[in-house]
Amino acid sequence: MTLEQNPLALDTSAAKTRICFWMRVLVITGAGVSAESGIPTFRGKDGYWRNLDPTKLATPEAFARDPKLVWEWYRERRQRIRNARPNAAHEAIARLAQNTDEFLLVTQNVDDLHERAGVSPEKRVQIHGDIFVTRCSRCDFGFIERTEEQQEIPTCTKCAALMRPGVVWFGEQLPWNEVQRVENFLNRGACDLVIVAGTTATFGYIIDWALRASRDGGELTEVNPEETPLSQFAIRLMREPAAIALPHLVDQFISQTKLP
């Protein structure tokens, strides 16, 4: 189904003037966007690894109990991500970032597909961390492993503690610096357009950020095949996979913002 055929899509004839003035844009993405590149989500049978529930592996308790098992899982996830490619949704978001006056992408995904699609670091917040970062479980030492993988459990060269993947596990706090980047963006003013794509919106801060960003009449668009807790607040609902819906949506926005 194309955007023009979608009964929930924007009426372009009535919206040309309004879209011409869309300058501040917030995009929030979740695991559904990366799933279309072949990266399994935590939820559902495809997310299981060796018959283990990933929600039971991505915890501080699991790492303390069996760091070797947790590292084996993350190394396999890293390799799967290396083998994946950005899909049409990642590419569409990158185009939107390049054609908007003020733009911020907040992604719950720990992969690097948005980066590889072309969203620059200053316009991208990985609120759940970066899977390719290896950091100390005790001090602030860390490094990035994009290509090479150690096979043993790494230990910190500064304090000798075990190193861990640089992601936010269940039960942990979000990284303060990244939260502040989101808050600073929101505090500078409301957004004209907010897109929330591929997330179940089960975390309260996702709904909070989306609603605050669209608080002064900005258009809140949800792209998700299924209903979520955010759906009731969205002005527009696009019940399609992000890789199908976003390219049409972004192309439409870009073409209309360039109207004379």
Protein backbone atom coordinates (compact mmCIF):
# COMPACT_ATOMS: atom_id res chain seq x y z
CA MET A 1 0.00 0.00 0.00
CA THR A 2 1.48 3.35 -0.99
CA LEU A 3 1.14 6.49 1.09
CA GLU A 4 -1.40 7.87 -1.37
CA GLN A 5 -3.53 4.74 -0.97
CA ASN A 6 -3.38 4.80 2.82
CA PRO A 7 -6.69 6.12 4.15
CA LEU A 8 -4.90 7.33 7.27
CA ALA A 9 -2.29 9.27 5.32
CA LEU A 10 -2.15 13.03 5.22
CA ASP A 11 -4.42 14.94 2.84
CA THR A 12 -1.67 16.56 0.78
CA SER A 13 -3.90 19.19 -0.83
CA ALA A 14 -4.90 20.53 2.59
CA ALA A 15 -1.50 20.26 4.18
CA LYS A 16 0.95 21.80 1.71
CA THR A 17 1.07 25.14 3.49
CA ARG A 18 1.50 23.61 6.93
CA ILE A 19 4.23 21.19 5.86
CA CYS A 20 6.18 24.00 4.23
CA PHE A 21 6.90 25.32 7.71
CA TRP A 22 7.95 22.03 9.33
CA MET A 23 11.43 22.69 10.62
CA ARG A 24 11.85 20.91 13.96
CA VAL A 25 11.54 17.14 13.72
CA LEU A 26 11.89 14.37 16.30
CA VAL A 27 12.06 10.73 15.18
CA ILE A 28 11.94 7.86 17.67
CA THR A 29 12.73 4.35 16.47
CA GLY A 30 12.54 0.92 18.05
CA ALA A 31 13.46 -2.66 17.32
CA GLY A 32 10.88 -3.04 14.57
CA VAL A 33 12.95 -0.82 12.29
CA SER A 34 16.07 -2.98 12.64
CA ALA A 35 14.03 -6.19 12.47
CA GLU A 36 13.40 -5.38 8.81
CA SER A 37 17.17 -5.68 8.31
CA GLY A 38 17.12 -9.17 9.82
CA ILE A 39 17.99 -8.29 13.40
CA PRO A 40 15.61 -10.15 15.75
CA THR A 41 13.71 -8.25 18.41
CA PHE A 42 13.76 -9.35 22.02
CA ARG A 43 10.06 -10.13 21.89
CA GLY A 44 8.74 -13.14 20.01
CA LYS A 45 10.16 -16.53 19.11
CA ASP A 46 12.73 -15.09 16.70
CA GLY A 47 14.45 -13.31 19.57
CA TYR A 48 15.28 -16.49 21.44
CA TRP A 49 18.90 -17.67 21.44
CA ARG A 50 19.75 -21.30 22.27
CA ASN A 51 16.22 -21.52 23.66
CA LEU A 52 17.07 -18.76 26.12
CA ASP A 53 14.88 -15.71 26.64
CA PRO A 54 16.97 -12.62 25.76
CA THR A 55 15.17 -10.59 28.42
CA LYS A 56 16.77 -12.94 30.96
CA LEU A 57 20.24 -12.51 29.43
CA ALA A 58 20.23 -8.72 29.15
CA THR A 59 20.46 -8.10 32.89
CA PRO A 60 23.22 -7.32 35.39
CA GLU A 61 22.23 -10.45 37.29
CA ALA A 62 22.75 -12.68 34.25
CA PHE A 63 26.18 -11.15 33.65
CA ALA A 64 27.19 -11.65 37.27
CA ARG A 65 25.99 -15.25 37.14
CA ASP A 66 27.50 -16.28 33.81
CA PRO A 67 29.53 -13.56 32.02
CA LYS A 68 30.85 -16.07 29.47
CA LEU A 69 27.33 -16.98 28.31
CA VAL A 70 26.28 -13.34 28.10
CA TRP A 71 29.36 -12.44 26.09
CA GLU A 72 28.77 -15.34 23.68
CA TRP A 73 25.29 -14.04 23.03
CA TYR A 74 26.45 -10.46 22.47
CA ARG A 75 29.25 -11.52 20.16
CA GLU A 76 26.78 -13.40 18.03
CA ARG A 77 24.49 -10.35 18.03
CA ARG A 78 27.39 -8.12 17.01
CA GLN A 79 28.23 -10.38 14.11
CA ARG A 80 24.62 -10.49 12.94
CA ILE A 81 24.55 -6.69 12.97
CA ARG A 82 27.83 -6.50 11.03
CA ASN A 83 26.26 -8.72 8.38
CA ALA A 84 23.07 -6.62 8.23
CA ARG A 85 22.49 -3.61 6.02
CA PRO A 86 20.43 -0.46 6.61
CA ASN A 87 17.00 -0.83 5.09
CA ALA A 88 14.74 1.68 3.37
CA ALA A 89 13.49 3.02 6.71
CA HIS A 90 17.02 3.84 7.92
CA GLU A 91 17.77 5.54 4.61
CA ALA A 92 14.54 7.55 4.69
CA ILE A 93 15.28 8.82 8.19
CA ALA A 94 18.77 9.85 7.09
CA ARG A 95 17.26 11.82 4.18
CA LEU A 96 14.85 13.53 6.55
CA ALA A 97 17.72 14.47 8.88
CA GLN A 98 19.57 16.08 5.97
CA ASN A 99 16.52 18.09 4.88
CA THR A 100 15.31 19.48 8.20
CA ASP A 101 16.43 22.62 10.01
CA GLU A 102 16.46 21.02 13.46
CA PHE A 103 16.40 17.25 13.75
CA LEU A 104 16.95 14.63 16.44
CA LEU A 105 16.74 10.87 16.15
CA VAL A 106 16.25 8.97 19.39
CA THR A 107 16.70 5.26 18.81
CA GLN A 108 16.21 2.41 21.23
CA ASN A 109 18.32 0.25 18.94
CA VAL A 110 21.88 -0.56 19.97
CA ASP A 111 23.03 -1.40 16.44
CA ASP A 112 24.85 0.96 14.06
CA LEU A 113 22.40 0.86 11.14
CA HIS A 114 21.23 4.47 11.55
CA GLU A 115 24.85 5.55 11.60
CA ARG A 116 25.67 3.58 8.47
CA ALA A 117 22.61 5.03 6.75
CA GLY A 118 24.05 8.49 7.26
CA VAL A 119 22.52 10.03 10.41
CA SER A 120 25.34 12.07 11.93
CA PRO A 121 26.30 11.70 15.63
CA GLU A 122 25.07 15.16 16.61
CA LYS A 123 21.59 14.28 15.31
CA ARG A 124 21.47 10.78 16.83
CA VAL A 125 20.89 9.57 20.39
CA GLN A 126 21.24 5.86 21.19
CA ILE A 127 19.26 5.89 24.38
CA HIS A 128 19.94 2.21 25.14
CA GLY A 129 23.65 2.34 24.35
CA ASP A 130 25.90 0.98 21.62
CA ILE A 131 26.44 -2.76 21.28
CA PHE A 132 29.89 -2.24 19.78
CA VAL A 133 31.13 -0.43 22.87
CA THR A 134 32.93 -2.58 25.43
CA ARG A 135 33.10 -0.88 28.81
CA CYS A 136 34.25 -1.65 32.31
CA SER A 137 31.66 -2.93 34.75
CA ARG A 138 33.29 -0.87 37.51
CA CYS A 139 35.08 2.22 36.19
CA ASP A 140 34.52 4.48 33.18
CA PHE A 141 37.07 2.85 30.85
CA GLY A 142 35.77 1.63 27.51
CA PHE A 143 36.49 1.22 23.82
CA ILE A 144 34.77 0.41 20.52
CA GLU A 145 35.04 -2.96 18.76
CA ARG A 146 33.63 -2.51 15.27
CA THR A 147 35.46 -5.35 13.55
CA GLU A 148 37.72 -7.33 15.86
CA GLU A 149 36.34 -9.64 18.51
CA GLN A 150 38.09 -11.05 21.54
CA GLN A 151 37.17 -14.61 22.37
CA GLU A 152 37.87 -14.49 26.07
CA ILE A 153 36.00 -12.46 28.67
CA PRO A 154 37.73 -9.05 28.54
CA THR A 155 39.04 -7.44 31.69
CA CYS A 156 39.67 -3.77 32.31
CA THR A 157 43.26 -2.61 31.86
CA LYS A 158 42.63 0.15 34.41
CA CYS A 159 41.06 -1.68 37.35
CA ALA A 160 41.02 -5.41 36.33
CA ALA A 161 37.22 -5.68 36.60
CA LEU A 162 35.23 -7.57 33.97
CA MET A 163 34.33 -5.64 30.81
CA ARG A 164 30.75 -5.73 29.55
CA PRO A 165 28.80 -4.65 26.47
CA GLY A 166 28.04 -0.95 26.46
CA VAL A 167 24.27 -1.30 26.42
CA VAL A 168 21.54 -0.54 28.92
CA TRP A 169 20.30 -3.74 30.50
CA PHE A 170 16.88 -4.32 32.01
CA GLY A 171 16.75 -2.72 35.44
CA GLU A 172 19.48 -0.17 34.68
CA GLN A 173 19.21 3.60 34.37
CA LEU A 174 19.35 5.33 31.01
CA PRO A 175 22.66 7.10 30.29
CA TRP A 176 22.38 10.55 31.85
CA ASN A 177 24.28 12.38 29.12
CA GLU A 178 22.04 10.98 26.39
CA VAL A 179 18.88 11.76 28.33
CA GLN A 180 20.12 15.33 28.70
CA ARG A 181 20.62 15.61 24.96
CA VAL A 182 16.98 14.66 24.42
CA GLU A 183 15.79 17.01 27.16
CA ASN A 184 17.84 19.90 25.76
CA PHE A 185 16.32 19.36 22.32
CA LEU A 186 12.79 19.32 23.73
CA ASN A 187 13.44 22.37 25.92
CA ARG A 188 14.44 24.43 22.90
CA GLY A 189 10.88 24.23 21.62
CA ALA A 190 8.09 22.01 20.39
CA CYS A 191 8.43 20.06 17.17
CA ASP A 192 6.41 20.50 14.02
CA LEU A 193 6.62 16.79 13.25
CA VAL A 194 7.16 13.75 15.46
CA ILE A 195 7.51 10.26 13.97
CA VAL A 196 7.54 7.18 16.20
CA ALA A 197 8.39 4.04 14.23
CA GLY A 198 8.86 0.38 15.03
CA THR A 199 8.55 0.59 18.81
CA THR A 200 6.00 -1.00 21.11
CA ALA A 201 6.18 2.18 23.22
CA THR A 202 6.10 0.17 26.43
CA PHE A 203 8.59 2.47 28.15
CA GLY A 204 6.95 5.57 29.60
CA TYR A 205 9.71 7.93 28.53
CA ILE A 206 9.04 7.15 24.85
CA ILE A 207 5.43 8.32 25.18
CA ASP A 208 6.48 11.28 27.33
CA TRP A 209 9.04 12.52 24.80
CA ALA A 210 6.67 12.05 21.85
CA LEU A 211 3.85 13.96 23.56
CA ARG A 212 6.07 16.76 24.81
CA ALA A 213 7.64 17.19 21.39
CA SER A 214 4.23 17.53 19.73
CA ARG A 215 2.69 19.58 22.52
CA ASP A 216 2.01 22.76 20.52
CA GLY A 217 0.08 21.21 17.67
CA GLY A 218 2.88 19.31 15.99
CA GLU A 219 1.84 16.28 14.00
CA LEU A 220 2.46 13.01 15.83
CA THR A 221 2.71 10.10 13.39
CA GLU A 222 3.01 6.49 14.48
CA VAL A 223 4.41 3.94 12.04
CA ASN A 224 3.72 0.46 13.33
CA PRO A 225 1.77 -2.54 12.00
CA GLU A 226 0.19 -3.00 15.43
CA GLU A 227 -1.50 -0.79 17.99
CA THR A 228 0.64 0.49 20.87
CA PRO A 229 0.01 2.59 24.00
CA LEU A 230 1.00 5.62 21.92
CA SER A 231 -1.61 5.02 19.21
CA GLN A 232 -4.40 6.85 21.03
CA PHE A 233 -2.38 10.07 20.94
CA ALA A 234 -1.24 9.96 17.32
CA ILE A 235 -2.80 12.22 14.71
CA ARG A 236 -1.80 9.81 11.98
CA LEU A 237 -1.50 6.03 12.18
CA MET A 238 0.37 4.14 9.47
CA ARG A 239 -0.19 0.41 9.92
CA GLU A 240 2.67 -0.70 7.72
CA PRO A 241 6.28 -1.80 8.32
CA ALA A 242 8.64 1.16 8.59
CA ALA A 243 10.62 0.16 5.48
CA ILE A 244 7.43 0.49 3.43
CA ALA A 245 5.81 3.53 5.05
CA LEU A 246 8.75 5.81 5.83
CA PRO A 247 10.25 6.25 2.33
CA HIS A 248 6.88 7.49 0.97
CA LEU A 249 6.26 9.63 4.04
CA VAL A 250 9.69 11.26 3.98
CA ASP A 251 9.69 11.80 0.23
CA GLN A 252 6.37 13.56 0.56
CA PHE A 253 7.61 15.79 3.37
CA ILE A 254 10.79 16.74 1.53
CA SER A 255 9.02 17.54 -1.70
CA GLN A 256 6.47 19.72 0.07
CA THR A 257 8.96 21.63 2.18
CA LYS A 258 10.64 22.67 -1.07
CA LEU A 259 7.45 24.12 -2.53
CA PRO A 260 7.79 27.81 -3.59
